[in-house]
Amino acid sequence: MLKRLHDISDRRKVTIDFEGMQLEVPAGETVSAAVLAAETDYTRTSAISGVHRGPYCQMGVCFECLMEIDGVPNSQACMIEVRHGMTVRRQHGARGVSDEASV
């Protein structure tokens, strides 16, 4: 699917939980890069049709990388570095609106 341009085998590794799978990934990598390197085919589903979507721009502009990270939905996976013990889930359907928003 994707191929790394540089050898990163000497990097320290951290373990994250992705959909119940334990992934050993290089420290300092973004969540979206780690998930893509694990050869997953999508990170979220679209709000209307439920079609599979994946990270696109990898710089926080397109919002195609939204995932649930450590229980927090609508997290931009391309902007968050992996941490040991992190829990990552695909986000399904429409983004929710925070109950904390004041009118």
N, C-alpha and C. Protein backbone atom coordinates (compact mmCIF):
# COMPACT_ATOMS: atom_id res chain seq x y z
N MET A 1 0.83 -1.19 0.00
CA MET A 1 0.00 0.00 0.00
C MET A 1 0.88 1.25 0.00
N LEU A 2 1.50 1.56 1.12
CA LEU A 2 2.42 2.70 1.20
C LEU A 2 3.82 2.19 1.54
N LYS A 3 4.82 2.88 1.06
CA LYS A 3 6.20 2.49 1.32
C LYS A 3 6.93 3.67 1.94
N ARG A 4 7.68 3.40 3.00
CA ARG A 4 8.46 4.46 3.65
C ARG A 4 9.64 4.84 2.76
N LEU A 5 9.96 6.13 2.77
CA LEU A 5 11.08 6.61 1.97
C LEU A 5 12.42 6.41 2.66
N HIS A 6 12.40 6.35 4.00
CA HIS A 6 13.64 6.22 4.77
C HIS A 6 13.53 5.07 5.75
N ASP A 7 14.66 4.48 6.08
CA ASP A 7 14.70 3.41 7.07
C ASP A 7 14.52 4.02 8.46
N ILE A 8 13.53 3.56 9.18
CA ILE A 8 13.29 4.09 10.54
C ILE A 8 13.36 2.97 11.58
N SER A 9 14.01 1.86 11.22
CA SER A 9 14.06 0.71 12.11
C SER A 9 14.81 0.99 13.41
N ASP A 10 15.64 2.03 13.44
CA ASP A 10 16.40 2.34 14.65
C ASP A 10 15.62 3.24 15.62
N ARG A 11 14.45 3.69 15.24
CA ARG A 11 13.65 4.56 16.11
C ARG A 11 13.04 3.79 17.27
N ARG A 12 12.92 4.46 18.41
CA ARG A 12 12.24 3.89 19.57
C ARG A 12 10.79 3.61 19.18
N LYS A 13 10.23 2.53 19.69
CA LYS A 13 8.86 2.15 19.35
C LYS A 13 7.92 2.39 20.54
N VAL A 14 6.66 2.68 20.22
CA VAL A 14 5.60 2.76 21.21
C VAL A 14 4.47 1.85 20.73
N THR A 15 3.64 1.42 21.65
CA THR A 15 2.52 0.55 21.29
C THR A 15 1.22 1.32 21.42
N ILE A 16 0.39 1.24 20.37
CA ILE A 16 -0.93 1.85 20.41
C ILE A 16 -1.97 0.77 20.13
N ASP A 17 -3.18 1.00 20.59
CA ASP A 17 -4.29 0.09 20.33
C ASP A 17 -5.12 0.68 19.19
N PHE A 18 -5.17 -0.01 18.07
CA PHE A 18 -6.00 0.43 16.94
C PHE A 18 -7.07 -0.61 16.70
N GLU A 19 -8.31 -0.25 17.04
CA GLU A 19 -9.45 -1.15 16.82
C GLU A 19 -9.21 -2.52 17.46
N GLY A 20 -8.57 -2.55 18.63
CA GLY A 20 -8.31 -3.80 19.32
C GLY A 20 -7.02 -4.50 18.92
N MET A 21 -6.32 -3.98 17.91
CA MET A 21 -5.03 -4.52 17.47
C MET A 21 -3.91 -3.73 18.12
N GLN A 22 -2.93 -4.42 18.65
CA GLN A 22 -1.77 -3.75 19.21
C GLN A 22 -0.76 -3.49 18.09
N LEU A 23 -0.48 -2.22 17.84
CA LEU A 23 0.48 -1.85 16.80
C LEU A 23 1.73 -1.27 17.44
N GLU A 24 2.88 -1.76 17.04
CA GLU A 24 4.15 -1.19 17.49
C GLU A 24 4.60 -0.22 16.40
N VAL A 25 4.67 1.06 16.76
CA VAL A 25 4.93 2.11 15.77
C VAL A 25 6.08 3.00 16.24
N PRO A 26 6.75 3.66 15.31
CA PRO A 26 7.85 4.55 15.69
C PRO A 26 7.36 5.75 16.49
N ALA A 27 8.05 6.04 17.58
CA ALA A 27 7.74 7.23 18.38
C ALA A 27 7.94 8.47 17.51
N GLY A 28 7.10 9.48 17.73
CA GLY A 28 7.22 10.72 16.98
C GLY A 28 6.43 10.75 15.69
N GLU A 29 5.85 9.62 15.32
CA GLU A 29 5.05 9.55 14.11
C GLU A 29 3.63 10.03 14.40
N THR A 30 2.93 10.54 13.40
CA THR A 30 1.54 10.93 13.62
C THR A 30 0.66 9.69 13.63
N VAL A 31 -0.51 9.84 14.25
CA VAL A 31 -1.46 8.73 14.30
C VAL A 31 -1.84 8.28 12.89
N SER A 32 -2.11 9.23 12.01
CA SER A 32 -2.52 8.84 10.65
C SER A 32 -1.40 8.10 9.92
N ALA A 33 -0.16 8.53 10.07
CA ALA A 33 0.96 7.84 9.43
C ALA A 33 1.11 6.42 9.98
N ALA A 34 0.93 6.27 11.29
CA ALA A 34 1.04 4.95 11.91
C ALA A 34 -0.06 4.02 11.41
N VAL A 35 -1.27 4.54 11.31
CA VAL A 35 -2.40 3.73 10.86
C VAL A 35 -2.23 3.36 9.38
N LEU A 36 -1.80 4.29 8.56
CA LEU A 36 -1.56 3.99 7.15
C LEU A 36 -0.44 2.96 6.97
N ALA A 37 0.62 3.07 7.77
CA ALA A 37 1.73 2.13 7.69
C ALA A 37 1.31 0.72 8.09
N ALA A 38 0.24 0.63 8.89
CA ALA A 38 -0.27 -0.68 9.31
C ALA A 38 -1.15 -1.30 8.23
N GLU A 39 -1.19 -0.67 7.07
CA GLU A 39 -1.93 -1.15 5.91
C GLU A 39 -3.43 -1.25 6.14
N THR A 40 -3.97 -0.28 6.85
CA THR A 40 -5.42 -0.19 6.98
C THR A 40 -5.95 0.55 5.76
N ASP A 41 -7.16 0.25 5.37
CA ASP A 41 -7.67 0.84 4.14
C ASP A 41 -8.50 2.10 4.36
N TYR A 42 -8.85 2.42 5.61
CA TYR A 42 -9.59 3.65 5.85
C TYR A 42 -9.50 4.05 7.32
N THR A 43 -9.76 5.33 7.61
CA THR A 43 -9.71 5.84 8.98
C THR A 43 -11.06 6.33 9.47
N ARG A 44 -11.99 6.57 8.55
CA ARG A 44 -13.33 7.01 8.94
C ARG A 44 -14.31 6.67 7.83
N THR A 45 -15.60 6.85 8.12
CA THR A 45 -16.61 6.69 7.08
C THR A 45 -17.31 8.03 6.88
N SER A 46 -17.79 8.26 5.67
CA SER A 46 -18.43 9.54 5.37
C SER A 46 -19.80 9.64 6.02
N ALA A 47 -20.24 10.86 6.24
CA ALA A 47 -21.50 11.12 6.95
C ALA A 47 -22.72 10.71 6.14
N ILE A 48 -22.69 10.86 4.85
CA ILE A 48 -23.87 10.62 4.02
C ILE A 48 -23.97 9.17 3.56
N SER A 49 -22.98 8.69 2.86
CA SER A 49 -23.07 7.36 2.25
C SER A 49 -22.38 6.26 3.04
N GLY A 50 -21.57 6.63 4.03
CA GLY A 50 -20.84 5.63 4.80
C GLY A 50 -19.63 5.06 4.08
N VAL A 51 -19.26 5.68 2.96
CA VAL A 51 -18.11 5.21 2.20
C VAL A 51 -16.82 5.40 3.01
N HIS A 52 -15.87 4.51 2.80
CA HIS A 52 -14.59 4.58 3.51
C HIS A 52 -13.78 5.79 3.04
N ARG A 53 -13.17 6.48 4.00
CA ARG A 53 -12.34 7.66 3.71
C ARG A 53 -10.99 7.48 4.41
N GLY A 54 -9.97 8.16 3.90
CA GLY A 54 -8.65 8.08 4.50
C GLY A 54 -7.96 9.42 4.48
N PRO A 55 -6.86 9.56 5.23
CA PRO A 55 -6.12 10.81 5.26
C PRO A 55 -5.72 11.25 3.85
N TYR A 56 -5.79 12.53 3.62
CA TYR A 56 -5.49 13.06 2.29
C TYR A 56 -4.32 14.03 2.33
N CYS A 57 -4.49 15.17 3.00
CA CYS A 57 -3.47 16.21 2.93
C CYS A 57 -2.33 16.01 3.92
N GLN A 58 -2.58 15.35 5.03
CA GLN A 58 -1.59 15.09 6.08
C GLN A 58 -1.02 16.37 6.69
N MET A 59 -1.78 17.47 6.62
CA MET A 59 -1.31 18.72 7.24
C MET A 59 -2.43 19.50 7.92
N GLY A 60 -3.53 18.83 8.25
CA GLY A 60 -4.58 19.45 9.05
C GLY A 60 -5.57 20.33 8.33
N VAL A 61 -5.64 20.25 7.01
CA VAL A 61 -6.53 21.12 6.26
C VAL A 61 -7.83 20.42 5.84
N CYS A 62 -7.76 19.18 5.41
CA CYS A 62 -8.91 18.54 4.76
C CYS A 62 -9.88 17.84 5.71
N PHE A 63 -9.47 17.49 6.91
CA PHE A 63 -10.29 16.81 7.91
C PHE A 63 -10.73 15.41 7.48
N GLU A 64 -10.04 14.81 6.53
CA GLU A 64 -10.35 13.43 6.13
C GLU A 64 -9.78 12.41 7.11
N CYS A 65 -8.93 12.84 8.00
CA CYS A 65 -8.26 11.93 8.93
C CYS A 65 -8.93 11.85 10.29
N LEU A 66 -10.14 12.38 10.43
CA LEU A 66 -10.79 12.40 11.74
C LEU A 66 -10.94 10.99 12.30
N MET A 67 -10.51 10.82 13.55
CA MET A 67 -10.61 9.54 14.25
C MET A 67 -10.97 9.81 15.70
N GLU A 68 -11.32 8.74 16.40
CA GLU A 68 -11.52 8.84 17.85
C GLU A 68 -10.21 8.42 18.49
N ILE A 69 -9.59 9.36 19.21
CA ILE A 69 -8.29 9.10 19.83
C ILE A 69 -8.43 9.28 21.33
N ASP A 70 -8.12 8.22 22.07
CA ASP A 70 -8.27 8.20 23.53
C ASP A 70 -9.67 8.66 23.95
N GLY A 71 -10.68 8.20 23.22
CA GLY A 71 -12.07 8.49 23.56
C GLY A 71 -12.58 9.83 23.08
N VAL A 72 -11.73 10.62 22.43
CA VAL A 72 -12.12 11.95 21.95
C VAL A 72 -12.41 11.88 20.45
N PRO A 73 -13.68 12.04 20.05
CA PRO A 73 -14.00 12.01 18.62
C PRO A 73 -13.53 13.28 17.91
N ASN A 74 -13.56 13.26 16.61
CA ASN A 74 -13.21 14.42 15.77
C ASN A 74 -11.75 14.86 15.93
N SER A 75 -10.88 13.93 16.28
CA SER A 75 -9.46 14.24 16.44
C SER A 75 -8.77 14.13 15.09
N GLN A 76 -8.00 15.15 14.73
CA GLN A 76 -7.26 15.13 13.48
C GLN A 76 -6.01 14.26 13.65
N ALA A 77 -6.08 13.05 13.14
CA ALA A 77 -5.02 12.08 13.33
C ALA A 77 -3.69 12.50 12.70
N CYS A 78 -3.74 13.38 11.71
CA CYS A 78 -2.50 13.82 11.05
C CYS A 78 -1.76 14.87 11.88
N MET A 79 -2.40 15.39 12.91
CA MET A 79 -1.79 16.45 13.72
C MET A 79 -1.39 15.98 15.11
N ILE A 80 -1.63 14.71 15.42
CA ILE A 80 -1.39 14.18 16.76
C ILE A 80 -0.32 13.09 16.70
N GLU A 81 0.72 13.23 17.52
CA GLU A 81 1.77 12.21 17.58
C GLU A 81 1.32 11.04 18.43
N VAL A 82 1.76 9.85 18.05
CA VAL A 82 1.43 8.65 18.82
C VAL A 82 2.07 8.73 20.20
N ARG A 83 1.38 8.15 21.17
CA ARG A 83 1.87 8.02 22.53
C ARG A 83 1.67 6.58 22.97
N HIS A 84 2.57 6.07 23.78
CA HIS A 84 2.45 4.70 24.26
C HIS A 84 1.12 4.52 24.99
N GLY A 85 0.39 3.48 24.65
CA GLY A 85 -0.88 3.17 25.30
C GLY A 85 -2.08 3.87 24.70
N MET A 86 -1.88 4.69 23.69
CA MET A 86 -2.97 5.43 23.04
C MET A 86 -3.98 4.46 22.43
N THR A 87 -5.27 4.82 22.53
CA THR A 87 -6.34 4.04 21.91
C THR A 87 -6.89 4.81 20.72
N VAL A 88 -6.92 4.16 19.57
CA VAL A 88 -7.35 4.81 18.33
C VAL A 88 -8.47 3.98 17.70
N ARG A 89 -9.54 4.67 17.32
CA ARG A 89 -10.67 4.01 16.66
C ARG A 89 -11.05 4.79 15.41
N ARG A 90 -11.59 4.08 14.43
CA ARG A 90 -12.14 4.75 13.26
C ARG A 90 -13.36 5.56 13.69
N GLN A 91 -13.59 6.65 13.01
CA GLN A 91 -14.78 7.46 13.28
C GLN A 91 -15.82 7.13 12.21
N HIS A 92 -17.03 6.85 12.66
CA HIS A 92 -18.09 6.45 11.73
C HIS A 92 -19.16 7.52 11.65
N GLY A 93 -19.52 7.89 10.43
CA GLY A 93 -20.61 8.83 10.21
C GLY A 93 -20.24 10.28 10.46
N ALA A 94 -21.27 11.07 10.70
CA ALA A 94 -21.11 12.52 10.85
C ALA A 94 -20.39 12.89 12.14
N ARG A 95 -19.68 14.00 12.09
CA ARG A 95 -19.05 14.54 13.29
C ARG A 95 -20.14 15.02 14.23
N GLY A 96 -19.95 14.82 15.52
CA GLY A 96 -20.90 15.30 16.50
C GLY A 96 -20.63 16.75 16.87
N VAL A 97 -21.62 17.37 17.47
CA VAL A 97 -21.48 18.74 17.98
C VAL A 97 -21.31 18.64 19.48
N SER A 98 -20.36 19.36 20.02
CA SER A 98 -20.07 19.32 21.44
C SER A 98 -21.25 19.83 22.26
N ASP A 99 -21.53 19.13 23.36
CA ASP A 99 -22.57 19.57 24.30
C ASP A 99 -22.13 20.81 25.06
N GLU A 100 -20.84 21.11 25.04
CA GLU A 100 -20.31 22.24 25.80
C GLU A 100 -20.45 23.57 25.06
N ALA A 101 -20.90 23.53 23.83
CA ALA A 101 -21.05 24.77 23.06
C ALA A 101 -22.16 25.63 23.67
N SER A 102 -21.88 26.90 23.83
CA SER A 102 -22.89 27.79 24.40
C SER A 102 -23.48 28.65 23.29
N VAL A 103 -24.74 28.96 23.46
CA VAL A 103 -25.45 29.76 22.45
C VAL A 103 -25.55 31.18 22.89
